[in-house]
Amino acid sequence: MKLLTKLRNRLRIRHRIERIWPRFVRLDGGTGIYADRGTRLWVAAHPDVYERLARFVAKILGEEESFIDCGANFGWISVSVARQLKRTGSSGRVLAIEANGVTSALLSKTIRRNRLEEQISVAKTFVGEAQGEIEFYECGGMSSAFFTDHIKDAMHKYGEQVRTKRVSCSSIDSLVEVYRMRNVGVVKIDVEGAELSVLQGCQKLIKERPTAVFIVETNPVTSRAAGYAIREIWNFFASRGFHVFVFAKGPRRCLVRVEHFDEAQLSEAGDIIAVQDPALFYQRLGDSLSWD
């Protein structure tokens, strides 16, 4: 037990140090991101998650289209997409939204190091249904507008107290206007339980950009903390005529269409992909709905 306690304390100390002096993690193509130890360990344990998502966005994003990364974290997806936009000379841009102050500061540092200032704008705000302020919980690099089990785990793992503060809140519709985002092609939403609120705050975008693809995390743990069931996300899209897909399980990179809400299939944490016109997927991914 003493050895276990000693190892846990060393982990906590190292994590705190690396929140102040993060490492630069190199990605493909000569770019990289600054990230703390906790995130690097997670990515090392799940190497396919971010890579699969980044490659999917790169494949589905049309020419001259822009990308909104809601819950950008350290920029795993934003930097990858921005690199592609810069390489192809596209006029599309990335709006990276991150409410955690420490994380958004590292994201800005990453953007400067990779010289992607013209491709990425960072919105240091929480995003939800309307303008205002919300109570924000932070602990060990984990942050949320809700006191989730993930926050509790971070308290135990890193031996830190939960910090609460008031942060600004904006809707996607308002941020699109403020940052003059044009031709939005893909919106990724991963915000620790606030996904439904974010969707309710982008009604104008849905109406004006019927070809926009939405990638939304569904997690029973975080949605329960936010006070809703993941079925409500399904209902949001279904009531607006969207078609829903999920990533196929296993090594094959392809989409699988979901005709009806399946509690068993959607009960685990993962992403759903929603689009109003599924022909867009077949056009850009082929009949197999796959990508390399």
C-alpha atoms as a PDB file:
ATOM      1  CA  MET A   1       0.000   0.000   0.000  1.00  0.00           C
ATOM      2  CA  LYS A   2       2.858   2.381   0.775  1.00  0.00           C
ATOM      3  CA  LEU A   3       4.376   1.733  -2.639  1.00  0.00           C
ATOM      4  CA  LEU A   4       1.021   2.348  -4.341  1.00  0.00           C
ATOM      5  CA  THR A   5       0.547   5.592  -2.426  1.00  0.00           C
ATOM      6  CA  LYS A   6       4.060   6.709  -3.326  1.00  0.00           C
ATOM      7  CA  LEU A   7       3.490   6.007  -7.023  1.00  0.00           C
ATOM      8  CA  ARG A   8       0.148   7.825  -6.968  1.00  0.00           C
ATOM      9  CA  ASN A   9       1.741  10.875  -5.333  1.00  0.00           C
ATOM     10  CA  ARG A  10       4.513  10.914  -7.938  1.00  0.00           C
ATOM     11  CA  LEU A  11       1.885  10.789 -10.682  1.00  0.00           C
ATOM     12  CA  ARG A  12       0.037  13.725  -9.157  1.00  0.00           C
ATOM     13  CA  ILE A  13       3.205  15.809  -8.843  1.00  0.00           C
ATOM     14  CA  ARG A  14       4.286  15.040 -12.393  1.00  0.00           C
ATOM     15  CA  HIS A  15       0.838  15.883 -13.716  1.00  0.00           C
ATOM     16  CA  ARG A  16       0.891  19.272 -11.970  1.00  0.00           C
ATOM     17  CA  ILE A  17       4.348  20.051 -13.324  1.00  0.00           C
ATOM     18  CA  GLU A  18       3.337  19.171 -16.862  1.00  0.00           C
ATOM     19  CA  ARG A  19       0.276  21.406 -16.669  1.00  0.00           C
ATOM     20  CA  ILE A  20       2.794  24.252 -16.261  1.00  0.00           C
ATOM     21  CA  TRP A  21       5.474  22.933 -18.629  1.00  0.00           C
ATOM     22  CA  PRO A  22       3.652  20.723 -21.153  1.00  0.00           C
ATOM     23  CA  ARG A  23       5.423  18.602 -23.735  1.00  0.00           C
ATOM     24  CA  PHE A  24       5.142  19.221 -27.461  1.00  0.00           C
ATOM     25  CA  VAL A  25       3.750  16.065 -29.064  1.00  0.00           C
ATOM     26  CA  ARG A  26       4.576  15.698 -32.744  1.00  0.00           C
ATOM     27  CA  LEU A  27       1.883  14.658 -35.200  1.00  0.00           C
ATOM     28  CA  ASP A  28       2.063  13.544 -38.809  1.00  0.00           C
ATOM     29  CA  GLY A  29       2.990  16.172 -41.355  1.00  0.00           C
ATOM     30  CA  GLY A  30       5.501  18.068 -39.222  1.00  0.00           C
ATOM     31  CA  THR A  31       2.988  19.674 -36.877  1.00  0.00           C
ATOM     32  CA  GLY A  32       2.304  18.945 -33.224  1.00  0.00           C
ATOM     33  CA  ILE A  33       0.438  20.058 -30.127  1.00  0.00           C
ATOM     34  CA  TYR A  34       1.194  20.968 -26.542  1.00  0.00           C
ATOM     35  CA  ALA A  35      -0.587  18.591 -24.175  1.00  0.00           C
ATOM     36  CA  ASP A  36      -0.406  17.573 -20.541  1.00  0.00           C
ATOM     37  CA  ARG A  37       0.457  14.126 -19.275  1.00  0.00           C
ATOM     38  CA  GLY A  38      -3.111  12.995 -18.617  1.00  0.00           C
ATOM     39  CA  THR A  39      -4.213  13.627 -22.193  1.00  0.00           C
ATOM     40  CA  ARG A  40      -1.076  12.088 -23.674  1.00  0.00           C
ATOM     41  CA  LEU A  41      -1.604   8.907 -21.673  1.00  0.00           C
ATOM     42  CA  TRP A  42      -5.217   8.710 -22.830  1.00  0.00           C
ATOM     43  CA  VAL A  43      -4.262   9.166 -26.463  1.00  0.00           C
ATOM     44  CA  ALA A  44      -1.512   6.558 -26.115  1.00  0.00           C
ATOM     45  CA  ALA A  45      -4.102   4.111 -24.771  1.00  0.00           C
ATOM     46  CA  HIS A  46      -6.636   4.962 -27.517  1.00  0.00           C
ATOM     47  CA  PRO A  47      -4.471   5.818 -30.538  1.00  0.00           C
ATOM     48  CA  ASP A  48      -7.215   5.259 -33.099  1.00  0.00           C
ATOM     49  CA  VAL A  49      -9.843   7.600 -31.664  1.00  0.00           C
ATOM     50  CA  TYR A  50      -8.398  10.996 -32.579  1.00  0.00           C
ATOM     51  CA  GLU A  51      -6.698   9.744 -35.747  1.00  0.00           C
ATOM     52  CA  ARG A  52      -9.896   8.165 -37.057  1.00  0.00           C
ATOM     53  CA  LEU A  53     -11.882  11.309 -36.344  1.00  0.00           C
ATOM     54  CA  ALA A  54      -9.269  13.628 -37.858  1.00  0.00           C
ATOM     55  CA  ARG A  55      -9.071  11.568 -41.048  1.00  0.00           C
ATOM     56  CA  PHE A  56     -12.865  11.416 -41.281  1.00  0.00           C
ATOM     57  CA  VAL A  57     -13.197  15.206 -41.000  1.00  0.00           C
ATOM     58  CA  ALA A  58     -10.456  15.666 -43.606  1.00  0.00           C
ATOM     59  CA  LYS A  59     -12.327  13.359 -45.978  1.00  0.00           C
ATOM     60  CA  ILE A  60     -15.810  14.772 -45.468  1.00  0.00           C
ATOM     61  CA  LEU A  61     -14.929  18.490 -45.389  1.00  0.00           C
ATOM     62  CA  GLY A  62     -15.614  19.995 -48.814  1.00  0.00           C
ATOM     63  CA  GLU A  63     -13.403  22.408 -50.715  1.00  0.00           C
ATOM     64  CA  GLU A  64     -13.463  25.924 -49.264  1.00  0.00           C
ATOM     65  CA  GLU A  65     -15.573  24.726 -46.312  1.00  0.00           C
ATOM     66  CA  SER A  66     -14.914  25.588 -42.667  1.00  0.00           C
ATOM     67  CA  PHE A  67     -14.810  23.467 -39.517  1.00  0.00           C
ATOM     68  CA  ILE A  68     -16.152  24.233 -36.034  1.00  0.00           C
ATOM     69  CA  ASP A  69     -14.486  22.270 -33.227  1.00  0.00           C
ATOM     70  CA  CYS A  70     -16.680  22.633 -30.154  1.00  0.00           C
ATOM     71  CA  GLY A  71     -14.666  21.298 -27.231  1.00  0.00           C
ATOM     72  CA  ALA A  72     -11.358  21.595 -29.060  1.00  0.00           C
ATOM     73  CA  ASN A  73      -9.272  20.462 -26.077  1.00  0.00           C
ATOM     74  CA  PHE A  74      -5.562  20.726 -26.982  1.00  0.00           C
ATOM     75  CA  GLY A  75      -6.300  20.845 -30.711  1.00  0.00           C
ATOM     76  CA  TRP A  76      -5.893  17.240 -31.858  1.00  0.00           C
ATOM     77  CA  ILE A  77      -8.560  17.673 -34.537  1.00  0.00           C
ATOM     78  CA  SER A  78      -8.356  21.440 -35.116  1.00  0.00           C
ATOM     79  CA  VAL A  79      -4.644  21.424 -35.869  1.00  0.00           C
ATOM     80  CA  SER A  80      -4.962  18.468 -38.224  1.00  0.00           C
ATOM     81  CA  VAL A  81      -7.780  20.135 -40.189  1.00  0.00           C
ATOM     82  CA  ALA A  82      -6.016  23.523 -40.249  1.00  0.00           C
ATOM     83  CA  ARG A  83      -2.865  21.878 -41.583  1.00  0.00           C
ATOM     84  CA  GLN A  84      -4.914  20.424 -44.425  1.00  0.00           C
ATOM     85  CA  LEU A  85      -6.519  23.797 -45.194  1.00  0.00           C
ATOM     86  CA  LYS A  86      -3.115  25.473 -45.291  1.00  0.00           C
ATOM     87  CA  ARG A  87      -1.611  22.757 -47.472  1.00  0.00           C
ATOM     88  CA  THR A  88      -4.423  22.938 -50.048  1.00  0.00           C
ATOM     89  CA  GLY A  89      -4.661  26.730 -49.998  1.00  0.00           C
ATOM     90  CA  SER A  90      -8.331  26.561 -49.038  1.00  0.00           C
ATOM     91  CA  SER A  91     -10.174  29.666 -47.879  1.00  0.00           C
ATOM     92  CA  GLY A  92     -11.905  27.548 -45.222  1.00  0.00           C
ATOM     93  CA  ARG A  93     -11.131  28.197 -41.575  1.00  0.00           C
ATOM     94  CA  VAL A  94     -11.267  26.454 -38.219  1.00  0.00           C
ATOM     95  CA  LEU A  95     -13.060  27.843 -35.179  1.00  0.00           C
ATOM     96  CA  ALA A  96     -11.693  26.052 -32.098  1.00  0.00           C
ATOM     97  CA  ILE A  97     -13.904  26.554 -29.041  1.00  0.00           C
ATOM     98  CA  GLU A  98     -12.400  25.725 -25.628  1.00  0.00           C
ATOM     99  CA  ALA A  99     -13.653  27.068 -22.285  1.00  0.00           C
ATOM    100  CA  ASN A 100     -10.867  25.725 -20.048  1.00  0.00           C
ATOM    101  CA  GLY A 101      -8.431  28.614 -19.559  1.00  0.00           C
ATOM    102  CA  VAL A 102      -5.261  26.525 -19.235  1.00  0.00           C
ATOM    103  CA  THR A 103      -6.155  24.288 -22.171  1.00  0.00           C
ATOM    104  CA  SER A 104      -7.138  27.154 -24.469  1.00  0.00           C
ATOM    105  CA  ALA A 105      -3.860  28.932 -23.646  1.00  0.00           C
ATOM    106  CA  LEU A 106      -1.905  25.828 -24.678  1.00  0.00           C
ATOM    107  CA  LEU A 107      -4.010  25.583 -27.830  1.00  0.00           C
ATOM    108  CA  SER A 108      -3.112  29.167 -28.727  1.00  0.00           C
ATOM    109  CA  LYS A 109       0.557  28.358 -28.098  1.00  0.00           C
ATOM    110  CA  THR A 110       0.247  25.328 -30.390  1.00  0.00           C
ATOM    111  CA  ILE A 111      -1.265  27.456 -33.150  1.00  0.00           C
ATOM    112  CA  ARG A 112       1.587  29.966 -32.981  1.00  0.00           C
ATOM    113  CA  ARG A 113       4.258  27.262 -33.048  1.00  0.00           C
ATOM    114  CA  ASN A 114       2.662  25.629 -36.098  1.00  0.00           C
ATOM    115  CA  ARG A 115       2.107  29.013 -37.788  1.00  0.00           C
ATOM    116  CA  LEU A 116      -1.590  28.384 -38.286  1.00  0.00           C
ATOM    117  CA  GLU A 117      -2.860  31.779 -37.113  1.00  0.00           C
ATOM    118  CA  GLU A 118      -4.561  32.440 -40.460  1.00  0.00           C
ATOM    119  CA  GLN A 119      -6.329  29.081 -40.402  1.00  0.00           C
ATOM    120  CA  ILE A 120      -7.518  28.833 -36.762  1.00  0.00           C
ATOM    121  CA  SER A 121      -9.395  31.202 -34.483  1.00  0.00           C
ATOM    122  CA  VAL A 122      -9.761  30.287 -30.801  1.00  0.00           C
ATOM    123  CA  ALA A 123     -12.955  31.170 -28.921  1.00  0.00           C
ATOM    124  CA  LYS A 124     -12.203  30.977 -25.186  1.00  0.00           C
ATOM    125  CA  THR A 125     -15.794  30.490 -24.102  1.00  0.00           C
ATOM    126  CA  PHE A 126     -18.260  27.858 -23.067  1.00  0.00           C
ATOM    127  CA  VAL A 127     -20.822  27.144 -25.745  1.00  0.00           C
ATOM    128  CA  GLY A 128     -24.485  26.438 -25.140  1.00  0.00           C
ATOM    129  CA  GLU A 129     -27.988  27.490 -26.045  1.00  0.00           C
ATOM    130  CA  ALA A 130     -27.783  31.205 -25.307  1.00  0.00           C
ATOM    131  CA  GLN A 131     -25.541  34.098 -24.301  1.00  0.00           C
ATOM    132  CA  GLY A 132     -24.656  34.595 -20.645  1.00  0.00           C
ATOM    133  CA  GLU A 133     -22.497  32.991 -17.966  1.00  0.00           C
ATOM    134  CA  ILE A 134     -22.352  29.521 -16.445  1.00  0.00           C
ATOM    135  CA  GLU A 135     -20.696  27.853 -13.455  1.00  0.00           C
ATOM    136  CA  PHE A 136     -17.690  25.872 -14.662  1.00  0.00           C
ATOM    137  CA  TYR A 137     -15.969  23.001 -12.820  1.00  0.00           C
ATOM    138  CA  GLU A 138     -12.260  22.281 -13.284  1.00  0.00           C
ATOM    139  CA  CYS A 139      -9.996  19.634 -11.768  1.00  0.00           C
ATOM    140  CA  GLY A 140      -6.746  18.068 -12.960  1.00  0.00           C
ATOM    141  CA  GLY A 141      -7.200  19.244 -16.534  1.00  0.00           C
ATOM    142  CA  MET A 142     -10.772  17.954 -16.682  1.00  0.00           C
ATOM    143  CA  SER A 143     -13.484  20.604 -17.012  1.00  0.00           C
ATOM    144  CA  SER A 144     -17.240  20.635 -17.394  1.00  0.00           C
ATOM    145  CA  ALA A 145     -20.327  22.712 -16.763  1.00  0.00           C
ATOM    146  CA  PHE A 146     -21.608  19.734 -14.763  1.00  0.00           C
ATOM    147  CA  PHE A 147     -20.203  17.836 -11.773  1.00  0.00           C
ATOM    148  CA  THR A 148     -19.628  14.603 -13.694  1.00  0.00           C
ATOM    149  CA  ASP A 149     -18.090  11.292 -12.684  1.00  0.00           C
ATOM    150  CA  HIS A 150     -15.077  12.333 -14.787  1.00  0.00           C
ATOM    151  CA  ILE A 151     -14.528  15.299 -12.486  1.00  0.00           C
ATOM    152  CA  LYS A 152     -14.777  13.005  -9.460  1.00  0.00           C
ATOM    153  CA  ASP A 153     -12.229  10.610 -11.000  1.00  0.00           C
ATOM    154  CA  ALA A 154      -9.832  13.501 -11.621  1.00  0.00           C
ATOM    155  CA  MET A 155     -10.140  14.538  -7.962  1.00  0.00           C
ATOM    156  CA  HIS A 156      -9.098  11.061  -6.838  1.00  0.00           C
ATOM    157  CA  LYS A 157      -6.420  10.551  -9.468  1.00  0.00           C
ATOM    158  CA  TYR A 158      -4.614  13.863  -9.130  1.00  0.00           C
ATOM    159  CA  GLY A 159      -5.468  14.721  -5.512  1.00  0.00           C
ATOM    160  CA  GLU A 160      -6.767  18.173  -6.421  1.00  0.00           C
ATOM    161  CA  GLN A 161      -9.798  20.118  -5.301  1.00  0.00           C
ATOM    162  CA  VAL A 162     -12.518  21.083  -7.748  1.00  0.00           C
ATOM    163  CA  ARG A 163     -12.336  24.728  -8.746  1.00  0.00           C
ATOM    164  CA  THR A 164     -15.486  26.541  -9.775  1.00  0.00           C
ATOM    165  CA  LYS A 165     -15.704  29.817 -11.631  1.00  0.00           C
ATOM    166  CA  ARG A 166     -18.042  31.792 -13.817  1.00  0.00           C
ATOM    167  CA  VAL A 167     -17.221  31.700 -17.519  1.00  0.00           C
ATOM    168  CA  SER A 168     -18.876  33.313 -20.500  1.00  0.00           C
ATOM    169  CA  CYS A 169     -21.306  31.288 -22.576  1.00  0.00           C
ATOM    170  CA  SER A 170     -22.099  31.781 -26.261  1.00  0.00           C
ATOM    171  CA  SER A 171     -24.148  29.929 -28.839  1.00  0.00           C
ATOM    172  CA  ILE A 172     -22.656  28.538 -32.022  1.00  0.00           C
ATOM    173  CA  ASP A 173     -24.971  30.796 -34.024  1.00  0.00           C
ATOM    174  CA  SER A 174     -23.558  33.895 -32.305  1.00  0.00           C
ATOM    175  CA  LEU A 175     -19.945  32.716 -32.653  1.00  0.00           C
ATOM    176  CA  VAL A 176     -20.431  32.062 -36.372  1.00  0.00           C
ATOM    177  CA  GLU A 177     -21.357  35.741 -36.749  1.00  0.00           C
ATOM    178  CA  VAL A 178     -18.642  37.095 -34.450  1.00  0.00           C
ATOM    179  CA  TYR A 179     -15.860  35.132 -36.159  1.00  0.00           C
ATOM    180  CA  ARG A 180     -17.422  35.473 -39.629  1.00  0.00           C
ATOM    181  CA  MET A 181     -17.354  31.781 -40.335  1.00  0.00           C
ATOM    182  CA  ARG A 182     -18.443  31.058 -43.876  1.00  0.00           C
ATOM    183  CA  ASN A 183     -19.410  27.791 -45.572  1.00  0.00           C
ATOM    184  CA  VAL A 184     -19.434  25.707 -42.395  1.00  0.00           C
ATOM    185  CA  GLY A 185     -19.134  22.103 -43.551  1.00  0.00           C
ATOM    186  CA  VAL A 186     -18.495  20.127 -40.344  1.00  0.00           C
ATOM    187  CA  VAL A 187     -19.307  20.764 -36.681  1.00  0.00           C
ATOM    188  CA  LYS A 188     -17.760  18.553 -33.983  1.00  0.00           C
ATOM    189  CA  ILE A 189     -19.363  18.727 -30.534  1.00  0.00           C
ATOM    190  CA  ASP A 190     -17.663  17.094 -27.537  1.00  0.00           C
ATOM    191  CA  VAL A 191     -18.387  19.147 -24.433  1.00  0.00           C
ATOM    192  CA  GLU A 192     -18.750  16.810 -21.451  1.00  0.00           C
ATOM    193  CA  GLY A 193     -22.542  16.602 -21.349  1.00  0.00           C
ATOM    194  CA  ALA A 194     -23.538  19.967 -22.809  1.00  0.00           C
ATOM    195  CA  GLU A 195     -24.001  18.561 -26.328  1.00  0.00           C
ATOM    196  CA  LEU A 196     -27.791  18.950 -26.350  1.00  0.00           C
ATOM    197  CA  SER A 197     -27.570  22.574 -25.233  1.00  0.00           C
ATOM    198  CA  VAL A 198     -25.004  23.280 -27.960  1.00  0.00           C
ATOM    199  CA  LEU A 199     -27.294  21.812 -30.620  1.00  0.00           C
ATOM    200  CA  GLN A 200     -30.172  23.949 -29.416  1.00  0.00           C
ATOM    201  CA  GLY A 201     -27.962  26.989 -29.911  1.00  0.00           C
ATOM    202  CA  CYS A 202     -27.220  26.397 -33.599  1.00  0.00           C
ATOM    203  CA  GLN A 203     -30.701  26.461 -35.127  1.00  0.00           C
ATOM    204  CA  LYS A 204     -29.767  29.221 -37.558  1.00  0.00           C
ATOM    205  CA  LEU A 205     -26.715  27.328 -38.794  1.00  0.00           C
ATOM    206  CA  ILE A 206     -28.797  24.199 -39.370  1.00  0.00           C
ATOM    207  CA  LYS A 207     -31.316  26.199 -41.387  1.00  0.00           C
ATOM    208  CA  GLU A 208     -28.760  28.103 -43.459  1.00  0.00           C
ATOM    209  CA  ARG A 209     -26.274  25.244 -43.970  1.00  0.00           C
ATOM    210  CA  PRO A 210     -28.376  22.117 -44.717  1.00  0.00           C
ATOM    211  CA  THR A 211     -25.251  20.307 -45.946  1.00  0.00           C
ATOM    212  CA  ALA A 212     -23.393  20.714 -42.639  1.00  0.00           C
ATOM    213  CA  VAL A 213     -22.288  17.466 -41.003  1.00  0.00           C
ATOM    214  CA  PHE A 214     -22.569  17.160 -37.213  1.00  0.00           C
ATOM    215  CA  ILE A 215     -20.297  14.878 -35.197  1.00  0.00           C
ATOM    216  CA  VAL A 216     -21.670  14.678 -31.662  1.00  0.00           C
ATOM    217  CA  GLU A 217     -20.381  12.730 -28.690  1.00  0.00           C
ATOM    218  CA  THR A 218     -23.048  10.732 -26.878  1.00  0.00           C
ATOM    219  CA  ASN A 219     -22.054   9.646 -23.395  1.00  0.00           C
ATOM    220  CA  PRO A 220     -24.616   8.355 -20.871  1.00  0.00           C
ATOM    221  CA  VAL A 221     -22.366   9.361 -17.955  1.00  0.00           C
ATOM    222  CA  THR A 222     -21.998  13.017 -18.920  1.00  0.00           C
ATOM    223  CA  SER A 223     -25.523  13.423 -20.287  1.00  0.00           C
ATOM    224  CA  ARG A 224     -26.951  12.005 -17.057  1.00  0.00           C
ATOM    225  CA  ALA A 225     -24.990  14.614 -15.089  1.00  0.00           C
ATOM    226  CA  ALA A 226     -26.467  17.264 -17.405  1.00  0.00           C
ATOM    227  CA  GLY A 227     -29.978  16.008 -16.755  1.00  0.00           C
ATOM    228  CA  TYR A 228     -30.981  14.425 -20.038  1.00  0.00           C
ATOM    229  CA  ALA A 229     -30.821  11.058 -21.820  1.00  0.00           C
ATOM    230  CA  ILE A 230     -28.910  10.490 -25.050  1.00  0.00           C
ATOM    231  CA  ARG A 231     -32.240   9.630 -26.700  1.00  0.00           C
ATOM    232  CA  GLU A 232     -32.925  13.377 -26.659  1.00  0.00           C
ATOM    233  CA  ILE A 233     -29.968  14.010 -28.969  1.00  0.00           C
ATOM    234  CA  TRP A 234     -31.387  11.405 -31.329  1.00  0.00           C
ATOM    235  CA  ASN A 235     -34.815  13.057 -31.136  1.00  0.00           C
ATOM    236  CA  PHE A 236     -33.262  16.455 -31.869  1.00  0.00           C
ATOM    237  CA  PHE A 237     -31.869  15.229 -35.176  1.00  0.00           C
ATOM    238  CA  ALA A 238     -34.799  12.983 -36.082  1.00  0.00           C
ATOM    239  CA  SER A 239     -37.320  15.809 -35.635  1.00  0.00           C
ATOM    240  CA  ARG A 240     -35.331  17.927 -38.113  1.00  0.00           C
ATOM    241  CA  GLY A 241     -35.037  15.313 -40.825  1.00  0.00           C
ATOM    242  CA  PHE A 242     -31.418  14.305 -40.179  1.00  0.00           C
ATOM    243  CA  HIS A 243     -30.047  10.867 -41.000  1.00  0.00           C
ATOM    244  CA  VAL A 244     -27.839   9.347 -38.307  1.00  0.00           C
ATOM    245  CA  PHE A 245     -24.706   7.229 -38.692  1.00  0.00           C
ATOM    246  CA  VAL A 246     -22.116   5.803 -36.301  1.00  0.00           C
ATOM    247  CA  PHE A 247     -18.539   4.679 -36.751  1.00  0.00           C
ATOM    248  CA  ALA A 248     -18.266   0.951 -37.382  1.00  0.00           C
ATOM    249  CA  LYS A 249     -16.739  -1.037 -34.559  1.00  0.00           C
ATOM    250  CA  GLY A 250     -13.450  -2.766 -35.210  1.00  0.00           C
ATOM    251  CA  PRO A 251     -10.497  -1.819 -37.414  1.00  0.00           C
ATOM    252  CA  ARG A 252     -12.521  -0.973 -40.519  1.00  0.00           C
ATOM    253  CA  ARG A 253     -13.001   2.764 -41.005  1.00  0.00           C
ATOM    254  CA  CYS A 254     -16.509   3.251 -42.299  1.00  0.00           C
ATOM    255  CA  LEU A 255     -19.906   4.591 -41.330  1.00  0.00           C
ATOM    256  CA  VAL A 256     -22.905   2.488 -40.394  1.00  0.00           C
ATOM    257  CA  ARG A 257     -26.383   3.922 -40.816  1.00  0.00           C
ATOM    258  CA  VAL A 258     -28.735   3.780 -37.823  1.00  0.00           C
ATOM    259  CA  GLU A 259     -32.384   3.687 -38.899  1.00  0.00           C
ATOM    260  CA  HIS A 260     -33.973   3.731 -35.439  1.00  0.00           C
ATOM    261  CA  PHE A 261     -32.844   4.648 -31.973  1.00  0.00           C
ATOM    262  CA  ASP A 262     -31.154   1.611 -30.459  1.00  0.00           C
ATOM    263  CA  GLU A 263     -30.646   1.870 -26.709  1.00  0.00           C
ATOM    264  CA  ALA A 264     -28.096  -0.944 -26.711  1.00  0.00           C
ATOM    265  CA  GLN A 265     -26.098   0.366 -29.660  1.00  0.00           C
ATOM    266  CA  LEU A 266     -26.003   3.950 -28.411  1.00  0.00           C
ATOM    267  CA  SER A 267     -25.664   3.222 -24.696  1.00  0.00           C
ATOM    268  CA  GLU A 268     -21.850   3.346 -24.779  1.00  0.00           C
ATOM    269  CA  ALA A 269     -19.815   6.510 -25.122  1.00  0.00           C
ATOM    270  CA  GLY A 270     -19.113   7.299 -28.756  1.00  0.00           C
ATOM    271  CA  ASP A 271     -19.947   9.621 -31.620  1.00  0.00           C
ATOM    272  CA  ILE A 272     -22.998   9.889 -33.817  1.00  0.00           C
ATOM    273  CA  ILE A 273     -22.757  11.566 -37.204  1.00  0.00           C
ATOM    274  CA  ALA A 274     -25.823  13.398 -38.489  1.00  0.00           C
ATOM    275  CA  VAL A 275     -26.516  14.891 -41.912  1.00  0.00           C
ATOM    276  CA  GLN A 276     -29.691  16.064 -43.600  1.00  0.00           C
ATOM    277  CA  ASP A 277     -28.766  14.694 -47.019  1.00  0.00           C
ATOM    278  CA  PRO A 278     -27.000  11.295 -46.812  1.00  0.00           C
ATOM    279  CA  ALA A 279     -26.117  11.544 -50.521  1.00  0.00           C
ATOM    280  CA  LEU A 280     -23.286  13.821 -49.366  1.00  0.00           C
ATOM    281  CA  PHE A 281     -21.611  10.887 -47.621  1.00  0.00           C
ATOM    282  CA  TYR A 282     -21.913   8.590 -50.621  1.00  0.00           C
ATOM    283  CA  GLN A 283     -20.522  11.341 -52.833  1.00  0.00           C
ATOM    284  CA  ARG A 284     -17.452  11.927 -50.690  1.00  0.00           C
ATOM    285  CA  LEU A 285     -16.895   8.482 -49.184  1.00  0.00           C
ATOM    286  CA  GLY A 286     -18.189   6.165 -51.902  1.00  0.00           C
ATOM    287  CA  ASP A 287     -20.821   3.445 -51.676  1.00  0.00           C
ATOM    288  CA  SER A 288     -18.912   1.678 -48.895  1.00  0.00           C
ATOM    289  CA  LEU A 289     -18.940   4.837 -46.736  1.00  0.00           C
ATOM    290  CA  SER A 290     -15.322   4.147 -45.853  1.00  0.00           C
ATOM    291  CA  TRP A 291     -12.073   6.108 -45.796  1.00  0.00           C
ATOM    292  CA  ASP A 292      -8.414   5.309 -45.383  1.00  0.00           C
END
